[in-house]
Amino acid sequence: MTSTPENQPSTWASLPIAEQADAIAAATLAVDGVAALHGGMFGEVGTYLPGRRVDGVRVDETGVDVHVSVTEGAPLRKTARAVKQAVADGMGSTAVTVTVEDVVPT
């Protein structure tokens, strides 16, 4: 594992699943145009952790799925690409899929 000068892991992929899910959620919510994470039509998208769950983020051996609600007026494709890039920057070579589930008023 390579490290940054601060001796932190260079990717989130080496972290425990809980920390990965939290980092992915934070990076996603920091993207302009993202209103919220979205758990899917039936709440099926999430990372289940002891005592809690991270809605809208699914991390497994095949990659990362991120489901979001986008703010009305935000460019959908550009926002989805920005989310994908933000998550990919943290996860390294892990596959990242982004789904826009909803558009919400500002």
PDB file of N, CA and C in Angstrom:
ATOM      1  N   MET A   1       0.841  -1.175   0.000  1.00  0.00           N
ATOM      2  CA  MET A   1       0.000   0.000   0.000  1.00  0.00           C
ATOM      3  C   MET A   1       0.888   1.240   0.000  1.00  0.00           C
ATOM      4  N   THR A   2       0.605   2.169  -0.909  1.00  0.00           N
ATOM      5  CA  THR A   2       1.347   3.415  -0.920  1.00  0.00           C
ATOM      6  C   THR A   2       0.697   4.400   0.032  1.00  0.00           C
ATOM      7  N   SER A   3       1.498   5.350   0.497  1.00  0.00           N
ATOM      8  CA  SER A   3       0.974   6.314   1.451  1.00  0.00           C
ATOM      9  C   SER A   3       1.303   7.726   1.015  1.00  0.00           C
ATOM     10  N   THR A   4       0.506   8.654   1.467  1.00  0.00           N
ATOM     11  CA  THR A   4       0.773  10.063   1.250  1.00  0.00           C
ATOM     12  C   THR A   4       1.792  10.508   2.280  1.00  0.00           C
ATOM     13  N   PRO A   5       2.336  11.709   2.139  1.00  0.00           N
ATOM     14  CA  PRO A   5       3.322  12.167   3.123  1.00  0.00           C
ATOM     15  C   PRO A   5       2.791  12.168   4.546  1.00  0.00           C
ATOM     16  N   GLU A   6       1.504  12.340   4.738  1.00  0.00           N
ATOM     17  CA  GLU A   6       0.929  12.340   6.083  1.00  0.00           C
ATOM     18  C   GLU A   6       0.734  10.917   6.602  1.00  0.00           C
ATOM     19  N   ASN A   7       1.222   9.924   5.856  1.00  0.00           N
ATOM     20  CA  ASN A   7       1.131   8.523   6.239  1.00  0.00           C
ATOM     21  C   ASN A   7      -0.310   8.022   6.243  1.00  0.00           C
ATOM     22  N   GLN A   8      -1.160   8.588   5.402  1.00  0.00           N
ATOM     23  CA  GLN A   8      -2.533   8.141   5.243  1.00  0.00           C
ATOM     24  C   GLN A   8      -2.616   7.252   4.006  1.00  0.00           C
ATOM     25  N   PRO A   9      -3.527   6.293   3.968  1.00  0.00           N
ATOM     26  CA  PRO A   9      -3.675   5.461   2.774  1.00  0.00           C
ATOM     27  C   PRO A   9      -3.980   6.332   1.558  1.00  0.00           C
ATOM     28  N   SER A  10      -3.440   5.960   0.398  1.00  0.00           N
ATOM     29  CA  SER A  10      -3.635   6.761  -0.805  1.00  0.00           C
ATOM     30  C   SER A  10      -5.017   6.543  -1.411  1.00  0.00           C
ATOM     31  N   THR A  11      -5.669   5.449  -1.068  1.00  0.00           N
ATOM     32  CA  THR A  11      -7.043   5.229  -1.532  1.00  0.00           C
ATOM     33  C   THR A  11      -7.889   4.740  -0.372  1.00  0.00           C
ATOM     34  N   TRP A  12      -9.189   4.975  -0.531  1.00  0.00           N
ATOM     35  CA  TRP A  12     -10.119   4.511   0.495  1.00  0.00           C
ATOM     36  C   TRP A  12     -10.310   3.002   0.425  1.00  0.00           C
ATOM     37  N   ALA A  13      -9.954   2.388  -0.693  1.00  0.00           N
ATOM     38  CA  ALA A  13     -10.186   0.953  -0.886  1.00  0.00           C
ATOM     39  C   ALA A  13      -9.483   0.110   0.177  1.00  0.00           C
ATOM     40  N   SER A  14      -8.438   0.641   0.777  1.00  0.00           N
ATOM     41  CA  SER A  14      -7.709  -0.111   1.799  1.00  0.00           C
ATOM     42  C   SER A  14      -8.313   0.061   3.189  1.00  0.00           C
ATOM     43  N   LEU A  15      -9.311   0.922   3.308  1.00  0.00           N
ATOM     44  CA  LEU A  15      -9.952   1.171   4.604  1.00  0.00           C
ATOM     45  C   LEU A  15     -11.030   0.130   4.888  1.00  0.00           C
ATOM     46  N   PRO A  16     -11.453   0.009   6.145  1.00  0.00           N
ATOM     47  CA  PRO A  16     -12.604  -0.847   6.453  1.00  0.00           C
ATOM     48  C   PRO A  16     -13.854  -0.334   5.724  1.00  0.00           C
ATOM     49  N   ILE A  17     -14.796  -1.219   5.459  1.00  0.00           N
ATOM     50  CA  ILE A  17     -16.006  -0.880   4.693  1.00  0.00           C
ATOM     51  C   ILE A  17     -16.731   0.333   5.285  1.00  0.00           C
ATOM     52  N   ALA A  18     -16.847   0.421   6.588  1.00  0.00           N
ATOM     53  CA  ALA A  18     -17.557   1.555   7.209  1.00  0.00           C
ATOM     54  C   ALA A  18     -16.893   2.872   6.838  1.00  0.00           C
ATOM     55  N   GLU A  19     -15.576   2.912   6.897  1.00  0.00           N
ATOM     56  CA  GLU A  19     -14.852   4.138   6.564  1.00  0.00           C
ATOM     57  C   GLU A  19     -14.929   4.428   5.069  1.00  0.00           C
ATOM     58  N   GLN A  20     -14.914   3.375   4.244  1.00  0.00           N
ATOM     59  CA  GLN A  20     -15.081   3.574   2.803  1.00  0.00           C
ATOM     60  C   GLN A  20     -16.432   4.219   2.510  1.00  0.00           C
ATOM     61  N   ALA A  21     -17.494   3.655   3.069  1.00  0.00           N
ATOM     62  CA  ALA A  21     -18.849   4.156   2.825  1.00  0.00           C
ATOM     63  C   ALA A  21     -18.995   5.599   3.294  1.00  0.00           C
ATOM     64  N   ASP A  22     -18.446   5.914   4.451  1.00  0.00           N
ATOM     65  CA  ASP A  22     -18.521   7.282   4.962  1.00  0.00           C
ATOM     66  C   ASP A  22     -17.739   8.253   4.077  1.00  0.00           C
ATOM     67  N   ALA A  23     -16.560   7.848   3.613  1.00  0.00           N
ATOM     68  CA  ALA A  23     -15.745   8.700   2.749  1.00  0.00           C
ATOM     69  C   ALA A  23     -16.437   8.925   1.403  1.00  0.00           C
ATOM     70  N   ILE A  24     -17.029   7.872   0.860  1.00  0.00           N
ATOM     71  CA  ILE A  24     -17.752   7.979  -0.418  1.00  0.00           C
ATOM     72  C   ILE A  24     -18.947   8.912  -0.259  1.00  0.00           C
ATOM     73  N   ALA A  25     -19.687   8.764   0.833  1.00  0.00           N
ATOM     74  CA  ALA A  25     -20.845   9.621   1.085  1.00  0.00           C
ATOM     75  C   ALA A  25     -20.412  11.079   1.194  1.00  0.00           C
ATOM     76  N   ALA A  26     -19.356  11.355   1.941  1.00  0.00           N
ATOM     77  CA  ALA A  26     -18.884  12.728   2.119  1.00  0.00           C
ATOM     78  C   ALA A  26     -18.421  13.336   0.791  1.00  0.00           C
ATOM     79  N   ALA A  27     -17.670  12.566   0.005  1.00  0.00           N
ATOM     80  CA  ALA A  27     -17.194  13.064  -1.284  1.00  0.00           C
ATOM     81  C   ALA A  27     -18.355  13.332  -2.235  1.00  0.00           C
ATOM     82  N   THR A  28     -19.352  12.466  -2.202  1.00  0.00           N
ATOM     83  CA  THR A  28     -20.529  12.627  -3.062  1.00  0.00           C
ATOM     84  C   THR A  28     -21.305  13.874  -2.688  1.00  0.00           C
ATOM     85  N   LEU A  29     -21.559  14.054  -1.414  1.00  0.00           N
ATOM     86  CA  LEU A  29     -22.341  15.201  -0.959  1.00  0.00           C
ATOM     87  C   LEU A  29     -21.616  16.528  -1.169  1.00  0.00           C
ATOM     88  N   ALA A  30     -20.299  16.481  -1.350  1.00  0.00           N
ATOM     89  CA  ALA A  30     -19.518  17.700  -1.594  1.00  0.00           C
ATOM     90  C   ALA A  30     -19.588  18.161  -3.049  1.00  0.00           C
ATOM     91  N   VAL A  31     -20.129  17.333  -3.936  1.00  0.00           N
ATOM     92  CA  VAL A  31     -20.212  17.681  -5.357  1.00  0.00           C
ATOM     93  C   VAL A  31     -21.349  18.673  -5.577  1.00  0.00           C
ATOM     94  N   ASP A  32     -21.045  19.761  -6.302  1.00  0.00           N
ATOM     95  CA  ASP A  32     -22.081  20.741  -6.640  1.00  0.00           C
ATOM     96  C   ASP A  32     -23.205  20.070  -7.407  1.00  0.00           C
ATOM     97  N   GLY A  33     -24.425  20.355  -7.018  1.00  0.00           N
ATOM     98  CA  GLY A  33     -25.593  19.797  -7.687  1.00  0.00           C
ATOM     99  C   GLY A  33     -26.173  18.579  -7.007  1.00  0.00           C
ATOM    100  N   VAL A  34     -25.431  17.953  -6.110  1.00  0.00           N
ATOM    101  CA  VAL A  34     -25.955  16.795  -5.383  1.00  0.00           C
ATOM    102  C   VAL A  34     -26.754  17.301  -4.191  1.00  0.00           C
ATOM    103  N   ALA A  35     -28.033  16.947  -4.161  1.00  0.00           N
ATOM    104  CA  ALA A  35     -28.905  17.360  -3.056  1.00  0.00           C
ATOM    105  C   ALA A  35     -28.817  16.387  -1.887  1.00  0.00           C
ATOM    106  N   ALA A  36     -28.719  15.090  -2.204  1.00  0.00           N
ATOM    107  CA  ALA A  36     -28.710  14.065  -1.154  1.00  0.00           C
ATOM    108  C   ALA A  36     -28.339  12.721  -1.750  1.00  0.00           C
ATOM    109  N   LEU A  37     -27.974  11.807  -0.883  1.00  0.00           N
ATOM    110  CA  LEU A  37     -27.852  10.408  -1.283  1.00  0.00           C
ATOM    111  C   LEU A  37     -29.256   9.830  -1.330  1.00  0.00           C
ATOM    112  N   HIS A  38     -29.479   8.826  -2.165  1.00  0.00           N
ATOM    113  CA  HIS A  38     -30.819   8.265  -2.350  1.00  0.00           C
ATOM    114  C   HIS A  38     -30.739   6.759  -2.169  1.00  0.00           C
ATOM    115  N   GLY A  39     -31.589   6.233  -1.319  1.00  0.00           N
ATOM    116  CA  GLY A  39     -31.568   4.805  -1.010  1.00  0.00           C
ATOM    117  C   GLY A  39     -32.225   3.897  -2.032  1.00  0.00           C
ATOM    118  N   GLY A  40     -32.705   4.454  -3.141  1.00  0.00           N
ATOM    119  CA  GLY A  40     -33.380   3.642  -4.157  1.00  0.00           C
ATOM    120  C   GLY A  40     -34.876   3.626  -3.923  1.00  0.00           C
ATOM    121  N   MET A  41     -35.602   3.161  -4.903  1.00  0.00           N
ATOM    122  CA  MET A  41     -37.060   3.174  -4.849  1.00  0.00           C
ATOM    123  C   MET A  41     -37.616   2.444  -3.629  1.00  0.00           C
ATOM    124  N   PHE A  42     -36.985   1.354  -3.264  1.00  0.00           N
ATOM    125  CA  PHE A  42     -37.457   0.563  -2.139  1.00  0.00           C
ATOM    126  C   PHE A  42     -36.443   0.511  -0.995  1.00  0.00           C
ATOM    127  N   GLY A  43     -35.503   1.442  -0.994  1.00  0.00           N
ATOM    128  CA  GLY A  43     -34.484   1.477   0.052  1.00  0.00           C
ATOM    129  C   GLY A  43     -33.441   0.390  -0.082  1.00  0.00           C
ATOM    130  N   GLU A  44     -33.297  -0.126  -1.297  1.00  0.00           N
ATOM    131  CA  GLU A  44     -32.405  -1.262  -1.503  1.00  0.00           C
ATOM    132  C   GLU A  44     -30.928  -0.893  -1.643  1.00  0.00           C
ATOM    133  N   VAL A  45     -30.632   0.399  -1.802  1.00  0.00           N
ATOM    134  CA  VAL A  45     -29.237   0.802  -2.001  1.00  0.00           C
ATOM    135  C   VAL A  45     -28.687   1.352  -0.696  1.00  0.00           C
ATOM    136  N   GLY A  46     -27.745   0.648  -0.147  1.00  0.00           N
ATOM    137  CA  GLY A  46     -27.124   1.103   1.089  1.00  0.00           C
ATOM    138  C   GLY A  46     -26.024   0.154   1.514  1.00  0.00           C
ATOM    139  N   THR A  47     -25.177   0.655   2.376  1.00  0.00           N
ATOM    140  CA  THR A  47     -24.147  -0.171   2.989  1.00  0.00           C
ATOM    141  C   THR A  47     -24.578  -0.390   4.433  1.00  0.00           C
ATOM    142  N   TYR A  48     -24.826  -1.638   4.773  1.00  0.00           N
ATOM    143  CA  TYR A  48     -25.299  -1.997   6.103  1.00  0.00           C
ATOM    144  C   TYR A  48     -24.106  -2.195   7.028  1.00  0.00           C
ATOM    145  N   LEU A  49     -24.131  -1.476   8.120  1.00  0.00           N
ATOM    146  CA  LEU A  49     -23.056  -1.523   9.099  1.00  0.00           C
ATOM    147  C   LEU A  49     -23.658  -1.816  10.471  1.00  0.00           C
ATOM    148  N   PRO A  50     -22.844  -2.213  11.427  1.00  0.00           N
ATOM    149  CA  PRO A  50     -23.379  -2.475  12.760  1.00  0.00           C
ATOM    150  C   PRO A  50     -24.059  -1.222  13.336  1.00  0.00           C
ATOM    151  N   GLY A  51     -25.349  -1.299  13.570  1.00  0.00           N
ATOM    152  CA  GLY A  51     -26.082  -0.211  14.181  1.00  0.00           C
ATOM    153  C   GLY A  51     -26.485   0.930  13.271  1.00  0.00           C
ATOM    154  N   ARG A  52     -26.128   0.872  12.004  1.00  0.00           N
ATOM    155  CA  ARG A  52     -26.498   1.955  11.089  1.00  0.00           C
ATOM    156  C   ARG A  52     -26.353   1.501   9.642  1.00  0.00           C
ATOM    157  N   ARG A  53     -26.728   2.405   8.768  1.00  0.00           N
ATOM    158  CA  ARG A  53     -26.619   2.116   7.347  1.00  0.00           C
ATOM    159  C   ARG A  53     -26.296   3.415   6.626  1.00  0.00           C
ATOM    160  N   VAL A  54     -25.537   3.341   5.562  1.00  0.00           N
ATOM    161  CA  VAL A  54     -25.233   4.503   4.736  1.00  0.00           C
ATOM    162  C   VAL A  54     -26.098   4.383   3.485  1.00  0.00           C
ATOM    163  N   ASP A  55     -27.203   5.132   3.463  1.00  0.00           N
ATOM    164  CA  ASP A  55     -28.119   5.108   2.318  1.00  0.00           C
ATOM    165  C   ASP A  55     -27.451   5.681   1.082  1.00  0.00           C
ATOM    166  N   GLY A  56     -27.752   5.076  -0.064  1.00  0.00           N
ATOM    167  CA  GLY A  56     -27.272   5.596  -1.337  1.00  0.00           C
ATOM    168  C   GLY A  56     -25.878   5.169  -1.725  1.00  0.00           C
ATOM    169  N   VAL A  57     -25.211   4.429  -0.867  1.00  0.00           N
ATOM    170  CA  VAL A  57     -23.849   3.953  -1.158  1.00  0.00           C
ATOM    171  C   VAL A  57     -23.818   2.452  -0.938  1.00  0.00           C
ATOM    172  N   ARG A  58     -23.455   1.717  -1.983  1.00  0.00           N
ATOM    173  CA  ARG A  58     -23.298   0.272  -1.844  1.00  0.00           C
ATOM    174  C   ARG A  58     -21.858  -0.062  -2.229  1.00  0.00           C
ATOM    175  N   VAL A  59     -21.147  -0.679  -1.303  1.00  0.00           N
ATOM    176  CA  VAL A  59     -19.760  -1.084  -1.529  1.00  0.00           C
ATOM    177  C   VAL A  59     -19.711  -2.600  -1.421  1.00  0.00           C
ATOM    178  N   ASP A  60     -19.234  -3.253  -2.479  1.00  0.00           N
ATOM    179  CA  ASP A  60     -19.057  -4.705  -2.415  1.00  0.00           C
ATOM    180  C   ASP A  60     -17.865  -5.095  -3.279  1.00  0.00           C
ATOM    181  N   GLU A  61     -17.665  -6.394  -3.440  1.00  0.00           N
ATOM    182  CA  GLU A  61     -16.477  -6.878  -4.155  1.00  0.00           C
ATOM    183  C   GLU A  61     -16.474  -6.523  -5.641  1.00  0.00           C
ATOM    184  N   THR A  62     -17.619  -6.149  -6.196  1.00  0.00           N
ATOM    185  CA  THR A  62     -17.681  -5.794  -7.618  1.00  0.00           C
ATOM    186  C   THR A  62     -17.449  -4.314  -7.870  1.00  0.00           C
ATOM    187  N   GLY A  63     -17.528  -3.499  -6.820  1.00  0.00           N
ATOM    188  CA  GLY A  63     -17.309  -2.075  -6.990  1.00  0.00           C
ATOM    189  C   GLY A  63     -18.189  -1.242  -6.083  1.00  0.00           C
ATOM    190  N   VAL A  64     -18.428  -0.013  -6.507  1.00  0.00           N
ATOM    191  CA  VAL A  64     -19.196   0.944  -5.725  1.00  0.00           C
ATOM    192  C   VAL A  64     -20.375   1.438  -6.549  1.00  0.00           C
ATOM    193  N   ASP A  65     -21.556   1.440  -5.951  1.00  0.00           N
ATOM    194  CA  ASP A  65     -22.748   2.051  -6.544  1.00  0.00           C
ATOM    195  C   ASP A  65     -23.111   3.245  -5.685  1.00  0.00           C
ATOM    196  N   VAL A  66     -23.334   4.391  -6.350  1.00  0.00           N
ATOM    197  CA  VAL A  66     -23.747   5.598  -5.647  1.00  0.00           C
ATOM    198  C   VAL A  66     -25.041   6.077  -6.288  1.00  0.00           C
ATOM    199  N   HIS A  67     -26.075   6.278  -5.472  1.00  0.00           N
ATOM    200  CA  HIS A  67     -27.363   6.757  -5.958  1.00  0.00           C
ATOM    201  C   HIS A  67     -27.636   8.107  -5.321  1.00  0.00           C
ATOM    202  N   VAL A  68     -27.981   9.087  -6.158  1.00  0.00           N
ATOM    203  CA  VAL A  68     -28.127  10.456  -5.672  1.00  0.00           C
ATOM    204  C   VAL A  68     -29.428  11.098  -6.127  1.00  0.00           C
ATOM    205  N   SER A  69     -29.825  12.124  -5.390  1.00  0.00           N
ATOM    206  CA  SER A  69     -30.837  13.077  -5.820  1.00  0.00           C
ATOM    207  C   SER A  69     -30.067  14.333  -6.209  1.00  0.00           C
ATOM    208  N   VAL A  70     -30.445  14.920  -7.335  1.00  0.00           N
ATOM    209  CA  VAL A  70     -29.758  16.089  -7.867  1.00  0.00           C
ATOM    210  C   VAL A  70     -30.670  17.298  -7.730  1.00  0.00           C
ATOM    211  N   THR A  71     -30.079  18.442  -7.465  1.00  0.00           N
ATOM    212  CA  THR A  71     -30.820  19.690  -7.337  1.00  0.00           C
ATOM    213  C   THR A  71     -31.371  20.111  -8.697  1.00  0.00           C
ATOM    214  N   GLU A  72     -32.623  20.546  -8.704  1.00  0.00           N
ATOM    215  CA  GLU A  72     -33.256  21.029  -9.928  1.00  0.00           C
ATOM    216  C   GLU A  72     -32.388  22.123 -10.558  1.00  0.00           C
ATOM    217  N   GLY A  73     -32.191  22.012 -11.863  1.00  0.00           N
ATOM    218  CA  GLY A  73     -31.379  22.982 -12.581  1.00  0.00           C
ATOM    219  C   GLY A  73     -29.925  22.572 -12.729  1.00  0.00           C
ATOM    220  N   ALA A  74     -29.473  21.636 -11.939  1.00  0.00           N
ATOM    221  CA  ALA A  74     -28.097  21.150 -12.068  1.00  0.00           C
ATOM    222  C   ALA A  74     -28.013  20.252 -13.300  1.00  0.00           C
ATOM    223  N   PRO A  75     -26.940  20.350 -14.069  1.00  0.00           N
ATOM    224  CA  PRO A  75     -26.795  19.477 -15.235  1.00  0.00           C
ATOM    225  C   PRO A  75     -26.600  18.021 -14.786  1.00  0.00           C
ATOM    226  N   LEU A  76     -27.522  17.161 -15.179  1.00  0.00           N
ATOM    227  CA  LEU A  76     -27.516  15.778 -14.673  1.00  0.00           C
ATOM    228  C   LEU A  76     -26.252  15.016 -15.035  1.00  0.00           C
ATOM    229  N   ARG A  77     -25.911  14.990 -16.304  1.00  0.00           N
ATOM    230  CA  ARG A  77     -24.736  14.199 -16.719  1.00  0.00           C
ATOM    231  C   ARG A  77     -23.444  14.754 -16.131  1.00  0.00           C
ATOM    232  N   LYS A  78     -23.318  16.064 -16.118  1.00  0.00           N
ATOM    233  CA  LYS A  78     -22.114  16.679 -15.558  1.00  0.00           C
ATOM    234  C   LYS A  78     -22.005  16.381 -14.061  1.00  0.00           C
ATOM    235  N   THR A  79     -23.118  16.457 -13.359  1.00  0.00           N
ATOM    236  CA  THR A  79     -23.119  16.165 -11.927  1.00  0.00           C
ATOM    237  C   THR A  79     -22.783  14.697 -11.674  1.00  0.00           C
ATOM    238  N   ALA A  80     -23.376  13.804 -12.452  1.00  0.00           N
ATOM    239  CA  ALA A  80     -23.078  12.368 -12.303  1.00  0.00           C
ATOM    240  C   ALA A  80     -21.607  12.083 -12.586  1.00  0.00           C
ATOM    241  N   ARG A  81     -21.051  12.712 -13.621  1.00  0.00           N
ATOM    242  CA  ARG A  81     -19.622  12.525 -13.923  1.00  0.00           C
ATOM    243  C   ARG A  81     -18.753  13.042 -12.784  1.00  0.00           C
ATOM    244  N   ALA A  82     -19.132  14.186 -12.207  1.00  0.00           N
ATOM    245  CA  ALA A  82     -18.359  14.754 -11.103  1.00  0.00           C
ATOM    246  C   ALA A  82     -18.395  13.832  -9.877  1.00  0.00           C
ATOM    247  N   VAL A  83     -19.551  13.226  -9.605  1.00  0.00           N
ATOM    248  CA  VAL A  83     -19.655  12.263  -8.503  1.00  0.00           C
ATOM    249  C   VAL A  83     -18.756  11.065  -8.790  1.00  0.00           C
ATOM    250  N   LYS A  84     -18.846  10.538 -10.001  1.00  0.00           N
ATOM    251  CA  LYS A  84     -18.036   9.375 -10.368  1.00  0.00           C
ATOM    252  C   LYS A  84     -16.549   9.680 -10.207  1.00  0.00           C
ATOM    253  N   GLN A  85     -16.128  10.857 -10.640  1.00  0.00           N
ATOM    254  CA  GLN A  85     -14.719  11.228 -10.536  1.00  0.00           C
ATOM    255  C   GLN A  85     -14.295  11.394  -9.077  1.00  0.00           C
ATOM    256  N   ALA A  86     -15.140  12.029  -8.272  1.00  0.00           N
ATOM    257  CA  ALA A  86     -14.814  12.234  -6.859  1.00  0.00           C
ATOM    258  C   ALA A  86     -14.648  10.899  -6.133  1.00  0.00           C
ATOM    259  N   VAL A  87     -15.536   9.962  -6.426  1.00  0.00           N
ATOM    260  CA  VAL A  87     -15.458   8.652  -5.782  1.00  0.00           C
ATOM    261  C   VAL A  87     -14.282   7.857  -6.345  1.00  0.00           C
ATOM    262  N   ALA A  88     -14.091   7.897  -7.658  1.00  0.00           N
ATOM    263  CA  ALA A  88     -12.980   7.168  -8.280  1.00  0.00           C
ATOM    264  C   ALA A  88     -11.628   7.681  -7.770  1.00  0.00           C
ATOM    265  N   ASP A  89     -11.518   8.980  -7.542  1.00  0.00           N
ATOM    266  CA  ASP A  89     -10.269   9.542  -7.005  1.00  0.00           C
ATOM    267  C   ASP A  89      -9.924   8.923  -5.656  1.00  0.00           C
ATOM    268  N   GLY A  90     -10.932   8.649  -4.854  1.00  0.00           N
ATOM    269  CA  GLY A  90     -10.692   8.065  -3.542  1.00  0.00           C
ATOM    270  C   GLY A  90     -10.562   6.560  -3.550  1.00  0.00           C
ATOM    271  N   MET A  91     -11.235   5.897  -4.500  1.00  0.00           N
ATOM    272  CA  MET A  91     -11.269   4.431  -4.507  1.00  0.00           C
ATOM    273  C   MET A  91     -10.238   3.798  -5.428  1.00  0.00           C
ATOM    274  N   GLY A  92      -9.503   4.582  -6.163  1.00  0.00           N
ATOM    275  CA  GLY A  92      -8.481   4.017  -7.043  1.00  0.00           C
ATOM    276  C   GLY A  92      -9.100   3.299  -8.222  1.00  0.00           C
ATOM    277  N   SER A  93      -8.708   2.058  -8.441  1.00  0.00           N
ATOM    278  CA  SER A  93      -9.137   1.308  -9.630  1.00  0.00           C
ATOM    279  C   SER A  93     -10.482   0.604  -9.463  1.00  0.00           C
ATOM    280  N   THR A  94     -11.149   0.800  -8.340  1.00  0.00           N
ATOM    281  CA  THR A  94     -12.447   0.174  -8.101  1.00  0.00           C
ATOM    282  C   THR A  94     -13.490   0.742  -9.060  1.00  0.00           C
ATOM    283  N   ALA A  95     -14.333  -0.119  -9.633  1.00  0.00           N
ATOM    284  CA  ALA A  95     -15.401   0.324 -10.537  1.00  0.00           C
ATOM    285  C   ALA A  95     -16.426   1.155  -9.768  1.00  0.00           C
ATOM    286  N   VAL A  96     -16.857   2.269 -10.375  1.00  0.00           N
ATOM    287  CA  VAL A  96     -17.832   3.167  -9.753  1.00  0.00           C
ATOM    288  C   VAL A  96     -18.994   3.377 -10.712  1.00  0.00           C
ATOM    289  N   THR A  97     -20.214   3.160 -10.218  1.00  0.00           N
ATOM    290  CA  THR A  97     -21.432   3.406 -10.987  1.00  0.00           C
ATOM    291  C   THR A  97     -22.255   4.447 -10.240  1.00  0.00           C
ATOM    292  N   VAL A  98     -22.733   5.462 -10.981  1.00  0.00           N
ATOM    293  CA  VAL A  98     -23.543   6.520 -10.384  1.00  0.00           C
ATOM    294  C   VAL A  98     -24.920   6.497 -11.037  1.00  0.00           C
ATOM    295  N   THR A  99     -25.957   6.553 -10.211  1.00  0.00           N
ATOM    296  CA  THR A  99     -27.332   6.599 -10.689  1.00  0.00           C
ATOM    297  C   THR A  99     -28.012   7.831 -10.120  1.00  0.00           C
ATOM    298  N   VAL A 100     -28.610   8.631 -11.007  1.00  0.00           N
ATOM    299  CA  VAL A 100     -29.416   9.764 -10.563  1.00  0.00           C
ATOM    300  C   VAL A 100     -30.836   9.235 -10.387  1.00  0.00           C
ATOM    301  N   GLU A 101     -31.298   9.223  -9.143  1.00  0.00           N
ATOM    302  CA  GLU A 101     -32.604   8.664  -8.801  1.00  0.00           C
ATOM    303  C   GLU A 101     -33.719   9.695  -8.837  1.00  0.00           C
ATOM    304  N   ASP A 102     -33.377  10.966  -8.555  1.00  0.00           N
ATOM    305  CA  ASP A 102     -34.422  11.965  -8.405  1.00  0.00           C
ATOM    306  C   ASP A 102     -33.841  13.340  -8.655  1.00  0.00           C
ATOM    307  N   VAL A 103     -34.723  14.292  -8.998  1.00  0.00           N
ATOM    308  CA  VAL A 103     -34.390  15.693  -9.105  1.00  0.00           C
ATOM    309  C   VAL A 103     -35.286  16.410  -8.107  1.00  0.00           C
ATOM    310  N   VAL A 104     -34.664  17.200  -7.226  1.00  0.00           N
ATOM    311  CA  VAL A 104     -35.427  17.861  -6.162  1.00  0.00           C
ATOM    312  C   VAL A 104     -35.368  19.368  -6.328  1.00  0.00           C
ATOM    313  N   PRO A 105     -36.454  20.059  -5.940  1.00  0.00           N
ATOM    314  CA  PRO A 105     -36.460  21.519  -6.034  1.00  0.00           C
ATOM    315  C   PRO A 105     -35.388  22.144  -5.131  1.00  0.00           C
ATOM    316  N   THR A 106     -34.936  23.308  -5.538  1.00  0.00           N
ATOM    317  CA  THR A 106     -33.900  23.989  -4.752  1.00  0.00           C
ATOM    318  C   THR A 106     -34.457  24.656  -3.533  1.00  0.00           C
TER     319      THR A 106
END
